Amino acid sequence: MKSLTAAGLRIIKEWTAPDGLVPPTVTGQAPSVPSEDGRVEVLRDFLDPQLQEKANADWYRLAVEERLFSEPDRRFLIALSPGRDRLPRWHCVELQSPWDIMGNGADGMLGSAPHRPEFRMLSLDGNVLCFATTWEHAISTSVLKAPHRSHVLRHWAQALTDGSMDDMGDPHDLPLSVAARRWLDHPQESSH
């Protein structure tokens, strides 16, 4: 949890997940969603001398413009894994000041090292997915509005309904196959 503090995120413990959210495991395929499906992406080269500042600014701009959260209410969901070989689950967090999502915050639960992010974030209503990934020479920050409309995510969710990954989940959580089916069947509101 130290890395969440370094990122400027505080976990909201009294939050309960609403029905029909996209399972975090499904969102792992988000970097494969083509831009034609509405994915907005910003790339930053590792060699950029202002990588940390620019990548943080990119993340914040995309998060606010695409409505991951709003300036008055800086709460959103983040996919966190409870342990090695365990499926991630959504946790509600609030962005604090100061924050550093892409720099020191990426060293731990939000990535593999400073400036090497790997995370998935979701708006509280489930209509905006924000994610970052590390490529060979750059980092990518992306937003996908209305993830329920993505053919890539829906195809992966459908594959997960076979139950093949259910044993990796927490026994107290809904099995992944059931969560995937609920998301596929859940009526989604249109995103802004």
N, C-alpha and C. Protein backbone atom coordinates (compact mmCIF):
# COMPACT_ATOMS: atom_id res chain seq x y z
N MET A 1 0.82 -1.22 0.00
CA MET A 1 0.00 0.00 0.00
C MET A 1 0.86 1.26 0.00
N LYS A 2 2.15 1.13 0.31
CA LYS A 2 3.05 2.28 0.29
C LYS A 2 3.07 2.94 -1.09
N SER A 3 3.01 2.10 -2.14
CA SER A 3 3.04 2.66 -3.49
C SER A 3 1.77 3.46 -3.79
N LEU A 4 0.64 3.10 -3.20
CA LEU A 4 -0.59 3.88 -3.39
C LEU A 4 -0.44 5.25 -2.74
N THR A 5 0.18 5.28 -1.56
CA THR A 5 0.43 6.55 -0.89
C THR A 5 1.37 7.41 -1.73
N ALA A 6 2.42 6.79 -2.29
CA ALA A 6 3.36 7.52 -3.15
C ALA A 6 2.65 8.07 -4.39
N ALA A 7 1.66 7.34 -4.87
CA ALA A 7 0.89 7.79 -6.04
C ALA A 7 -0.07 8.92 -5.68
N GLY A 8 -0.38 9.05 -4.39
CA GLY A 8 -1.35 10.06 -3.96
C GLY A 8 -2.76 9.53 -3.93
N LEU A 9 -2.90 8.22 -3.72
CA LEU A 9 -4.22 7.59 -3.68
C LEU A 9 -4.54 7.10 -2.28
N ARG A 10 -5.77 7.35 -1.84
CA ARG A 10 -6.24 6.86 -0.55
C ARG A 10 -7.40 5.91 -0.80
N ILE A 11 -7.33 4.71 -0.23
CA ILE A 11 -8.41 3.74 -0.40
C ILE A 11 -9.62 4.15 0.44
N ILE A 12 -10.79 4.09 -0.19
CA ILE A 12 -12.06 4.36 0.49
C ILE A 12 -12.61 3.00 0.93
N LYS A 13 -12.55 2.71 2.20
CA LYS A 13 -12.91 1.38 2.70
C LYS A 13 -14.41 1.10 2.70
N GLU A 14 -15.23 2.13 2.83
CA GLU A 14 -16.67 1.92 2.96
C GLU A 14 -17.40 1.84 1.63
N TRP A 15 -16.69 1.50 0.56
CA TRP A 15 -17.28 1.42 -0.77
C TRP A 15 -17.73 -0.01 -1.08
N THR A 16 -18.87 -0.15 -1.73
CA THR A 16 -19.37 -1.45 -2.16
C THR A 16 -19.56 -1.41 -3.67
N ALA A 17 -19.04 -2.43 -4.34
CA ALA A 17 -19.13 -2.48 -5.81
C ALA A 17 -20.57 -2.65 -6.26
N PRO A 18 -21.02 -1.84 -7.21
CA PRO A 18 -22.36 -2.05 -7.76
C PRO A 18 -22.37 -3.26 -8.70
N ASP A 19 -23.53 -3.79 -8.95
CA ASP A 19 -23.66 -4.91 -9.89
C ASP A 19 -23.30 -4.47 -11.30
N GLY A 20 -22.73 -5.39 -12.05
CA GLY A 20 -22.54 -5.17 -13.47
C GLY A 20 -21.27 -4.46 -13.89
N LEU A 21 -20.32 -4.22 -12.96
CA LEU A 21 -19.05 -3.61 -13.37
C LEU A 21 -18.24 -4.59 -14.20
N VAL A 22 -17.47 -4.07 -15.14
CA VAL A 22 -16.58 -4.91 -15.92
C VAL A 22 -15.55 -5.54 -14.97
N PRO A 23 -15.35 -6.84 -15.02
CA PRO A 23 -14.34 -7.44 -14.15
C PRO A 23 -12.95 -6.92 -14.50
N PRO A 24 -12.12 -6.62 -13.49
CA PRO A 24 -10.76 -6.14 -13.78
C PRO A 24 -9.98 -7.05 -14.71
N THR A 25 -10.18 -8.36 -14.61
CA THR A 25 -9.46 -9.29 -15.48
C THR A 25 -9.81 -9.04 -16.95
N VAL A 26 -11.04 -8.68 -17.22
CA VAL A 26 -11.45 -8.37 -18.60
C VAL A 26 -10.71 -7.13 -19.11
N THR A 27 -10.52 -6.14 -18.24
CA THR A 27 -9.88 -4.90 -18.66
C THR A 27 -8.39 -5.07 -18.96
N GLY A 28 -7.82 -6.19 -18.61
CA GLY A 28 -6.43 -6.48 -18.95
C GLY A 28 -6.20 -6.50 -20.46
N GLN A 29 -7.25 -6.69 -21.23
CA GLN A 29 -7.15 -6.70 -22.69
C GLN A 29 -7.33 -5.31 -23.30
N ALA A 30 -7.51 -4.30 -22.47
CA ALA A 30 -7.79 -2.95 -22.98
C ALA A 30 -6.72 -2.40 -23.92
N PRO A 31 -5.41 -2.66 -23.70
CA PRO A 31 -4.44 -2.13 -24.66
C PRO A 31 -4.61 -2.69 -26.08
N SER A 32 -5.36 -3.77 -26.22
CA SER A 32 -5.62 -4.35 -27.54
C SER A 32 -6.83 -3.75 -28.23
N VAL A 33 -7.57 -2.89 -27.54
CA VAL A 33 -8.75 -2.27 -28.13
C VAL A 33 -8.28 -1.24 -29.16
N PRO A 34 -8.74 -1.34 -30.41
CA PRO A 34 -8.30 -0.40 -31.45
C PRO A 34 -8.86 1.01 -31.23
N SER A 35 -8.16 1.99 -31.76
CA SER A 35 -8.61 3.37 -31.63
C SER A 35 -9.97 3.58 -32.30
N GLU A 36 -10.30 2.76 -33.30
CA GLU A 36 -11.61 2.87 -33.96
C GLU A 36 -12.75 2.62 -32.98
N ASP A 37 -12.47 1.91 -31.89
CA ASP A 37 -13.50 1.65 -30.88
C ASP A 37 -13.60 2.78 -29.86
N GLY A 38 -12.87 3.87 -30.09
CA GLY A 38 -12.96 5.02 -29.22
C GLY A 38 -11.84 5.17 -28.20
N ARG A 39 -10.82 4.32 -28.29
CA ARG A 39 -9.70 4.43 -27.35
C ARG A 39 -8.87 5.66 -27.72
N VAL A 40 -8.67 6.53 -26.73
CA VAL A 40 -7.84 7.71 -26.89
C VAL A 40 -6.52 7.41 -26.19
N GLU A 41 -5.39 7.61 -26.90
CA GLU A 41 -4.09 7.23 -26.35
C GLU A 41 -3.07 8.35 -26.48
N VAL A 42 -2.21 8.46 -25.47
CA VAL A 42 -1.07 9.38 -25.51
C VAL A 42 0.17 8.55 -25.20
N LEU A 43 1.18 8.65 -26.08
CA LEU A 43 2.45 7.94 -25.88
C LEU A 43 3.52 8.93 -25.45
N ARG A 44 4.40 8.49 -24.54
CA ARG A 44 5.54 9.30 -24.12
C ARG A 44 6.79 8.43 -24.18
N ASP A 45 7.80 8.90 -24.90
CA ASP A 45 9.06 8.19 -25.06
C ASP A 45 9.84 8.19 -23.74
N PHE A 46 10.47 7.06 -23.43
CA PHE A 46 11.27 6.96 -22.20
C PHE A 46 12.37 8.00 -22.13
N LEU A 47 12.87 8.44 -23.29
CA LEU A 47 14.01 9.36 -23.32
C LEU A 47 13.60 10.82 -23.14
N ASP A 48 12.32 11.10 -23.07
CA ASP A 48 11.86 12.47 -22.85
C ASP A 48 12.37 12.95 -21.50
N PRO A 49 13.13 14.04 -21.44
CA PRO A 49 13.68 14.50 -20.17
C PRO A 49 12.60 14.94 -19.17
N GLN A 50 11.41 15.21 -19.64
CA GLN A 50 10.31 15.59 -18.76
C GLN A 50 9.23 14.50 -18.71
N LEU A 51 9.67 13.26 -18.81
CA LEU A 51 8.74 12.13 -18.88
C LEU A 51 7.75 12.14 -17.71
N GLN A 52 8.24 12.25 -16.50
CA GLN A 52 7.36 12.17 -15.33
C GLN A 52 6.31 13.28 -15.35
N GLU A 53 6.72 14.51 -15.58
CA GLU A 53 5.79 15.63 -15.57
C GLU A 53 4.77 15.50 -16.71
N LYS A 54 5.25 15.17 -17.90
CA LYS A 54 4.34 15.07 -19.05
C LYS A 54 3.39 13.89 -18.92
N ALA A 55 3.90 12.75 -18.47
CA ALA A 55 3.04 11.56 -18.32
C ALA A 55 1.99 11.79 -17.24
N ASN A 56 2.35 12.42 -16.14
CA ASN A 56 1.38 12.76 -15.11
C ASN A 56 0.33 13.73 -15.65
N ALA A 57 0.78 14.73 -16.40
CA ALA A 57 -0.16 15.70 -16.99
C ALA A 57 -1.10 15.02 -17.99
N ASP A 58 -0.56 14.09 -18.79
CA ASP A 58 -1.39 13.34 -19.74
C ASP A 58 -2.48 12.56 -19.00
N TRP A 59 -2.06 11.84 -17.95
CA TRP A 59 -3.01 11.03 -17.19
C TRP A 59 -4.11 11.90 -16.61
N TYR A 60 -3.73 13.00 -15.98
CA TYR A 60 -4.71 13.86 -15.33
C TYR A 60 -5.66 14.48 -16.35
N ARG A 61 -5.11 14.99 -17.44
CA ARG A 61 -5.94 15.61 -18.48
C ARG A 61 -6.96 14.61 -19.02
N LEU A 62 -6.48 13.41 -19.39
CA LEU A 62 -7.40 12.40 -19.91
C LEU A 62 -8.44 12.00 -18.86
N ALA A 63 -8.00 11.83 -17.61
CA ALA A 63 -8.91 11.41 -16.54
C ALA A 63 -10.04 12.41 -16.34
N VAL A 64 -9.72 13.71 -16.35
CA VAL A 64 -10.73 14.73 -16.11
C VAL A 64 -11.57 14.97 -17.37
N GLU A 65 -10.91 15.11 -18.53
CA GLU A 65 -11.66 15.37 -19.77
C GLU A 65 -12.61 14.24 -20.12
N GLU A 66 -12.19 13.02 -19.92
CA GLU A 66 -13.02 11.87 -20.30
C GLU A 66 -13.90 11.38 -19.15
N ARG A 67 -13.79 12.03 -17.99
CA ARG A 67 -14.66 11.80 -16.82
C ARG A 67 -14.42 10.50 -16.07
N LEU A 68 -13.14 10.14 -15.91
CA LEU A 68 -12.82 9.08 -14.95
C LEU A 68 -13.24 9.57 -13.57
N PHE A 69 -13.00 10.83 -13.31
CA PHE A 69 -13.45 11.50 -12.10
C PHE A 69 -13.61 12.97 -12.44
N SER A 70 -14.17 13.74 -11.50
CA SER A 70 -14.31 15.17 -11.71
C SER A 70 -13.47 15.89 -10.68
N GLU A 71 -13.20 17.14 -10.90
CA GLU A 71 -12.37 17.88 -9.96
C GLU A 71 -13.01 17.98 -8.57
N PRO A 72 -14.32 18.18 -8.46
CA PRO A 72 -14.88 18.20 -7.11
C PRO A 72 -14.89 16.82 -6.43
N ASP A 73 -15.08 15.75 -7.19
CA ASP A 73 -15.15 14.40 -6.63
C ASP A 73 -14.07 13.56 -7.31
N ARG A 74 -12.93 13.43 -6.64
CA ARG A 74 -11.77 12.77 -7.24
C ARG A 74 -11.69 11.29 -6.86
N ARG A 75 -12.85 10.64 -6.77
CA ARG A 75 -12.89 9.20 -6.48
C ARG A 75 -13.07 8.42 -7.79
N PHE A 76 -12.43 7.26 -7.84
CA PHE A 76 -12.57 6.35 -8.96
C PHE A 76 -12.13 4.97 -8.47
N LEU A 77 -12.21 3.98 -9.35
CA LEU A 77 -11.86 2.61 -8.99
C LEU A 77 -10.51 2.26 -9.59
N ILE A 78 -9.78 1.40 -8.88
CA ILE A 78 -8.51 0.91 -9.39
C ILE A 78 -8.46 -0.59 -9.19
N ALA A 79 -7.94 -1.30 -10.18
CA ALA A 79 -7.82 -2.75 -10.11
C ALA A 79 -6.55 -3.09 -9.34
N LEU A 80 -6.71 -3.80 -8.23
CA LEU A 80 -5.58 -4.23 -7.42
C LEU A 80 -5.68 -5.72 -7.18
N SER A 81 -4.55 -6.39 -7.26
CA SER A 81 -4.52 -7.84 -7.02
C SER A 81 -4.23 -8.09 -5.54
N PRO A 82 -4.98 -9.00 -4.90
CA PRO A 82 -4.75 -9.28 -3.49
C PRO A 82 -3.50 -10.12 -3.23
N GLY A 83 -2.85 -10.59 -4.26
CA GLY A 83 -1.63 -11.38 -4.07
C GLY A 83 -1.21 -12.04 -5.36
N ARG A 84 -0.04 -12.64 -5.32
CA ARG A 84 0.49 -13.33 -6.50
C ARG A 84 -0.48 -14.43 -6.94
N ASP A 85 -0.66 -14.54 -8.24
CA ASP A 85 -1.55 -15.55 -8.83
C ASP A 85 -3.00 -15.42 -8.35
N ARG A 86 -3.40 -14.21 -8.01
CA ARG A 86 -4.79 -13.95 -7.63
C ARG A 86 -5.38 -12.94 -8.59
N LEU A 87 -6.65 -13.06 -8.85
CA LEU A 87 -7.33 -12.14 -9.75
C LEU A 87 -7.48 -10.76 -9.10
N PRO A 88 -7.31 -9.70 -9.87
CA PRO A 88 -7.50 -8.36 -9.31
C PRO A 88 -8.97 -8.09 -9.04
N ARG A 89 -9.20 -7.12 -8.17
CA ARG A 89 -10.56 -6.67 -7.89
C ARG A 89 -10.56 -5.14 -7.81
N TRP A 90 -11.73 -4.56 -7.97
CA TRP A 90 -11.85 -3.11 -7.93
C TRP A 90 -11.83 -2.61 -6.49
N HIS A 91 -11.10 -1.51 -6.28
CA HIS A 91 -11.07 -0.81 -5.01
C HIS A 91 -11.34 0.66 -5.30
N CYS A 92 -12.13 1.29 -4.45
CA CYS A 92 -12.41 2.71 -4.61
C CYS A 92 -11.27 3.50 -3.97
N VAL A 93 -10.76 4.47 -4.72
CA VAL A 93 -9.69 5.33 -4.21
C VAL A 93 -10.06 6.79 -4.45
N GLU A 94 -9.40 7.66 -3.72
CA GLU A 94 -9.57 9.09 -3.91
C GLU A 94 -8.20 9.70 -4.16
N LEU A 95 -8.11 10.54 -5.18
CA LEU A 95 -6.86 11.21 -5.51
C LEU A 95 -6.62 12.32 -4.49
N GLN A 96 -5.46 12.28 -3.85
CA GLN A 96 -5.05 13.26 -2.86
C GLN A 96 -4.10 14.27 -3.50
N SER A 97 -3.70 15.27 -2.74
CA SER A 97 -2.67 16.21 -3.18
C SER A 97 -1.54 16.15 -2.17
N PRO A 98 -0.32 16.07 -2.60
CA PRO A 98 0.15 15.93 -3.97
C PRO A 98 -0.02 14.50 -4.46
N TRP A 99 0.14 14.29 -5.75
CA TRP A 99 0.04 12.95 -6.33
C TRP A 99 1.12 12.78 -7.39
N ASP A 100 1.43 11.51 -7.70
CA ASP A 100 2.44 11.17 -8.70
C ASP A 100 2.13 9.77 -9.23
N ILE A 101 1.14 9.67 -10.07
CA ILE A 101 0.68 8.38 -10.58
C ILE A 101 1.75 7.70 -11.45
N MET A 102 2.36 8.44 -12.36
CA MET A 102 3.25 7.84 -13.36
C MET A 102 4.72 7.75 -12.92
N GLY A 103 5.11 8.49 -11.89
CA GLY A 103 6.49 8.46 -11.42
C GLY A 103 6.66 7.45 -10.31
N ASN A 104 6.83 7.94 -9.09
CA ASN A 104 7.03 7.05 -7.94
C ASN A 104 5.82 6.16 -7.67
N GLY A 105 4.65 6.63 -8.04
CA GLY A 105 3.44 5.83 -7.84
C GLY A 105 3.41 4.57 -8.68
N ALA A 106 4.16 4.57 -9.78
CA ALA A 106 4.20 3.38 -10.65
C ALA A 106 5.17 2.32 -10.13
N ASP A 107 5.85 2.59 -9.03
CA ASP A 107 6.78 1.63 -8.44
C ASP A 107 6.05 0.82 -7.38
N GLY A 108 5.37 -0.23 -7.79
CA GLY A 108 4.62 -1.05 -6.84
C GLY A 108 3.32 -1.54 -7.44
N MET A 109 2.21 -1.14 -6.84
CA MET A 109 0.91 -1.67 -7.27
C MET A 109 0.41 -1.07 -8.58
N LEU A 110 0.98 0.05 -9.02
CA LEU A 110 0.54 0.68 -10.26
C LEU A 110 1.51 0.46 -11.40
N GLY A 111 2.51 -0.38 -11.20
CA GLY A 111 3.48 -0.64 -12.25
C GLY A 111 4.66 -1.44 -11.73
N SER A 112 5.73 -1.47 -12.51
CA SER A 112 6.90 -2.28 -12.14
C SER A 112 8.06 -1.43 -11.63
N ALA A 113 8.05 -0.12 -11.91
CA ALA A 113 9.11 0.78 -11.48
C ALA A 113 8.66 2.21 -11.79
N PRO A 114 9.34 3.22 -11.23
CA PRO A 114 8.98 4.59 -11.63
C PRO A 114 9.03 4.73 -13.15
N HIS A 115 8.03 5.38 -13.68
CA HIS A 115 7.88 5.62 -15.13
C HIS A 115 7.60 4.35 -15.92
N ARG A 116 7.18 3.29 -15.27
CA ARG A 116 6.83 2.03 -15.94
C ARG A 116 5.44 1.58 -15.44
N PRO A 117 4.40 2.35 -15.81
CA PRO A 117 3.06 2.06 -15.30
C PRO A 117 2.41 0.84 -15.93
N GLU A 118 1.60 0.19 -15.16
CA GLU A 118 0.71 -0.90 -15.60
C GLU A 118 -0.50 -0.84 -14.68
N PHE A 119 -1.53 -0.15 -15.08
CA PHE A 119 -2.71 -0.07 -14.21
C PHE A 119 -3.98 0.06 -15.03
N ARG A 120 -5.11 -0.23 -14.35
CA ARG A 120 -6.44 -0.04 -14.92
C ARG A 120 -7.29 0.68 -13.89
N MET A 121 -7.97 1.70 -14.33
CA MET A 121 -8.83 2.51 -13.48
C MET A 121 -10.20 2.60 -14.15
N LEU A 122 -11.23 2.72 -13.34
CA LEU A 122 -12.60 2.74 -13.85
C LEU A 122 -13.38 3.83 -13.11
N SER A 123 -14.22 4.55 -13.84
CA SER A 123 -15.08 5.54 -13.19
C SER A 123 -16.06 4.81 -12.28
N LEU A 124 -16.59 5.52 -11.30
CA LEU A 124 -17.51 4.90 -10.34
C LEU A 124 -18.74 4.31 -11.02
N ASP A 125 -19.15 4.90 -12.15
CA ASP A 125 -20.33 4.37 -12.85
C ASP A 125 -19.96 3.29 -13.88
N GLY A 126 -18.67 3.00 -14.03
CA GLY A 126 -18.24 1.94 -14.94
C GLY A 126 -18.20 2.34 -16.40
N ASN A 127 -18.45 3.61 -16.72
CA ASN A 127 -18.52 4.05 -18.11
C ASN A 127 -17.22 4.58 -18.70
N VAL A 128 -16.18 4.72 -17.89
CA VAL A 128 -14.89 5.22 -18.38
C VAL A 128 -13.78 4.34 -17.82
N LEU A 129 -12.99 3.79 -18.72
CA LEU A 129 -11.85 2.96 -18.35
C LEU A 129 -10.58 3.73 -18.72
N CYS A 130 -9.69 3.89 -17.76
CA CYS A 130 -8.40 4.53 -18.00
C CYS A 130 -7.33 3.50 -17.68
N PHE A 131 -6.32 3.42 -18.55
CA PHE A 131 -5.29 2.40 -18.31
C PHE A 131 -3.96 2.88 -18.86
N ALA A 132 -2.90 2.34 -18.29
CA ALA A 132 -1.56 2.67 -18.76
C ALA A 132 -0.78 1.37 -18.90
N THR A 133 0.14 1.38 -19.85
CA THR A 133 0.99 0.22 -20.06
C THR A 133 2.36 0.68 -20.52
N THR A 134 3.33 -0.20 -20.33
CA THR A 134 4.70 0.09 -20.71
C THR A 134 5.05 -0.72 -21.95
N TRP A 135 5.50 -0.01 -22.99
CA TRP A 135 5.93 -0.65 -24.22
C TRP A 135 7.46 -0.68 -24.25
N GLU A 136 8.04 -1.08 -25.35
CA GLU A 136 9.49 -1.22 -25.43
C GLU A 136 10.22 0.11 -25.24
N HIS A 137 9.73 1.19 -25.86
CA HIS A 137 10.42 2.47 -25.80
C HIS A 137 9.56 3.61 -25.27
N ALA A 138 8.34 3.29 -24.82
CA ALA A 138 7.42 4.35 -24.43
C ALA A 138 6.41 3.85 -23.40
N ILE A 139 5.76 4.80 -22.77
CA ILE A 139 4.62 4.46 -21.93
C ILE A 139 3.37 5.03 -22.60
N SER A 140 2.29 4.36 -22.37
CA SER A 140 1.03 4.72 -23.00
C SER A 140 -0.02 4.95 -21.92
N THR A 141 -0.75 6.03 -22.05
CA THR A 141 -1.91 6.30 -21.20
C THR A 141 -3.11 6.36 -22.12
N SER A 142 -4.16 5.62 -21.79
CA SER A 142 -5.33 5.55 -22.66
C SER A 142 -6.61 5.66 -21.86
N VAL A 143 -7.64 6.10 -22.55
CA VAL A 143 -8.99 6.12 -22.00
C VAL A 143 -9.92 5.49 -23.02
N LEU A 144 -10.84 4.70 -22.52
CA LEU A 144 -11.87 4.08 -23.34
C LEU A 144 -13.21 4.36 -22.69
N LYS A 145 -14.02 5.18 -23.36
CA LYS A 145 -15.37 5.42 -22.85
C LYS A 145 -16.27 4.27 -23.29
N ALA A 146 -17.26 3.98 -22.48
CA ALA A 146 -18.22 2.91 -22.77
C ALA A 146 -17.52 1.58 -23.05
N PRO A 147 -16.74 1.07 -22.09
CA PRO A 147 -16.03 -0.19 -22.32
C PRO A 147 -16.95 -1.35 -22.67
N HIS A 148 -18.23 -1.28 -22.29
CA HIS A 148 -19.18 -2.34 -22.61
C HIS A 148 -19.45 -2.44 -24.11
N ARG A 149 -19.05 -1.41 -24.86
CA ARG A 149 -19.25 -1.45 -26.32
C ARG A 149 -18.06 -2.05 -27.07
N SER A 150 -16.97 -2.30 -26.36
CA SER A 150 -15.76 -2.79 -27.02
C SER A 150 -15.90 -4.27 -27.37
N HIS A 151 -15.72 -4.57 -28.65
CA HIS A 151 -15.80 -5.97 -29.10
C HIS A 151 -14.67 -6.80 -28.50
N VAL A 152 -13.48 -6.20 -28.34
CA VAL A 152 -12.33 -6.92 -27.76
C VAL A 152 -12.65 -7.33 -26.32
N LEU A 153 -13.15 -6.39 -25.52
CA LEU A 153 -13.45 -6.70 -24.12
C LEU A 153 -14.62 -7.67 -24.00
N ARG A 154 -15.63 -7.49 -24.82
CA ARG A 154 -16.79 -8.39 -24.75
C ARG A 154 -16.40 -9.81 -25.18
N HIS A 155 -15.54 -9.92 -26.18
CA HIS A 155 -15.09 -11.25 -26.63
C HIS A 155 -14.30 -11.95 -25.52
N TRP A 156 -13.41 -11.22 -24.86
CA TRP A 156 -12.63 -11.80 -23.76
C TRP A 156 -13.55 -12.18 -22.59
N ALA A 157 -14.50 -11.31 -22.26
CA ALA A 157 -15.44 -11.62 -21.18
C ALA A 157 -16.23 -12.89 -21.50
N GLN A 158 -16.66 -13.01 -22.76
CA GLN A 158 -17.40 -14.22 -23.16
C GLN A 158 -16.54 -15.46 -22.97
N ALA A 159 -15.26 -15.38 -23.33
CA ALA A 159 -14.36 -16.52 -23.16
C ALA A 159 -14.21 -16.88 -21.68
N LEU A 160 -14.23 -15.89 -20.80
CA LEU A 160 -14.05 -16.14 -19.37
C LEU A 160 -15.27 -16.77 -18.71
N THR A 161 -16.42 -16.74 -19.39
CA THR A 161 -17.62 -17.35 -18.81
C THR A 161 -17.52 -18.87 -18.76
N ASP A 162 -16.47 -19.44 -19.36
CA ASP A 162 -16.31 -20.90 -19.32
C ASP A 162 -15.83 -21.42 -17.97
N GLY A 163 -15.44 -20.51 -17.06
CA GLY A 163 -15.04 -20.93 -15.71
C GLY A 163 -13.59 -21.35 -15.57
N SER A 164 -12.80 -21.26 -16.63
CA SER A 164 -11.42 -21.75 -16.59
C SER A 164 -10.52 -20.98 -15.62
N MET A 165 -10.90 -19.76 -15.25
CA MET A 165 -10.07 -18.99 -14.34
C MET A 165 -10.72 -18.78 -12.97
N ASP A 166 -11.83 -19.46 -12.73
CA ASP A 166 -12.56 -19.25 -11.48
C ASP A 166 -11.74 -19.62 -10.24
N ASP A 167 -10.86 -20.61 -10.36
CA ASP A 167 -10.10 -21.05 -9.18
C ASP A 167 -9.02 -20.05 -8.77
N MET A 168 -8.74 -19.03 -9.59
CA MET A 168 -7.74 -18.02 -9.25
C MET A 168 -8.32 -16.89 -8.41
N GLY A 169 -9.63 -16.84 -8.31
CA GLY A 169 -10.27 -15.77 -7.57
C GLY A 169 -10.31 -16.05 -6.08
N ASP A 170 -10.62 -15.01 -5.33
CA ASP A 170 -10.80 -15.14 -3.89
C ASP A 170 -12.09 -15.94 -3.65
N PRO A 171 -12.05 -16.93 -2.76
CA PRO A 171 -13.26 -17.73 -2.53
C PRO A 171 -14.45 -16.91 -2.02
N HIS A 172 -14.17 -15.72 -1.48
CA HIS A 172 -15.25 -14.87 -0.98
C HIS A 172 -15.84 -13.98 -2.08
N ASP A 173 -15.16 -13.92 -3.22
CA ASP A 173 -15.63 -13.10 -4.33
C ASP A 173 -16.52 -13.90 -5.27
N LEU A 174 -17.28 -13.19 -6.07
CA LEU A 174 -18.07 -13.81 -7.12
C LEU A 174 -17.11 -14.49 -8.10
N PRO A 175 -17.36 -15.72 -8.53
CA PRO A 175 -16.48 -16.34 -9.52
C PRO A 175 -16.39 -15.48 -10.78
N LEU A 176 -15.21 -15.46 -11.38
CA LEU A 176 -14.98 -14.64 -12.56
C LEU A 176 -15.97 -14.95 -13.67
N SER A 177 -16.30 -16.22 -13.87
CA SER A 177 -17.24 -16.57 -14.93
C SER A 177 -18.61 -15.92 -14.71
N VAL A 178 -19.04 -15.85 -13.45
CA VAL A 178 -20.33 -15.24 -13.12
C VAL A 178 -20.24 -13.72 -13.27
N ALA A 179 -19.13 -13.13 -12.79
CA ALA A 179 -18.95 -11.68 -12.91
C ALA A 179 -18.90 -11.26 -14.38
N ALA A 180 -18.22 -12.05 -15.21
CA ALA A 180 -18.15 -11.74 -16.64
C ALA A 180 -19.53 -11.82 -17.29
N ARG A 181 -20.28 -12.85 -16.94
CA ARG A 181 -21.63 -13.00 -17.49
C ARG A 181 -22.53 -11.85 -17.05
N ARG A 182 -22.43 -11.46 -15.78
CA ARG A 182 -23.25 -10.34 -15.28
C ARG A 182 -22.92 -9.05 -16.03
N TRP A 183 -21.62 -8.82 -16.30
CA TRP A 183 -21.24 -7.62 -17.02
C TRP A 183 -21.79 -7.67 -18.45
N LEU A 184 -21.65 -8.81 -19.11
CA LEU A 184 -22.14 -8.93 -20.48
C LEU A 184 -23.64 -8.71 -20.56
N ASP A 185 -24.37 -9.17 -19.53
CA ASP A 185 -25.83 -9.09 -19.54
C ASP A 185 -26.38 -7.81 -18.92
N HIS A 186 -25.53 -7.05 -18.23
CA HIS A 186 -25.98 -5.86 -17.51
C HIS A 186 -26.33 -4.73 -18.48
N PRO A 187 -27.52 -4.15 -18.34
CA PRO A 187 -27.85 -3.01 -19.20
C PRO A 187 -26.96 -1.83 -18.84
N GLN A 188 -26.26 -1.31 -19.82
CA GLN A 188 -25.33 -0.19 -19.58
C GLN A 188 -25.96 1.10 -20.03
N GLU A 189 -25.69 2.15 -19.22
CA GLU A 189 -26.12 3.49 -19.63
C GLU A 189 -25.12 4.00 -20.64
N SER A 190 -25.56 4.85 -21.50
CA SER A 190 -24.62 5.43 -22.46
C SER A 190 -23.69 6.37 -21.74
N SER A 191 -22.46 6.43 -22.22
CA SER A 191 -21.45 7.29 -21.61
C SER A 191 -21.54 8.67 -22.22
N HIS A 192 -21.84 9.63 -21.45
CA HIS A 192 -21.88 11.07 -21.74
C HIS A 192 -21.95 11.35 -23.19
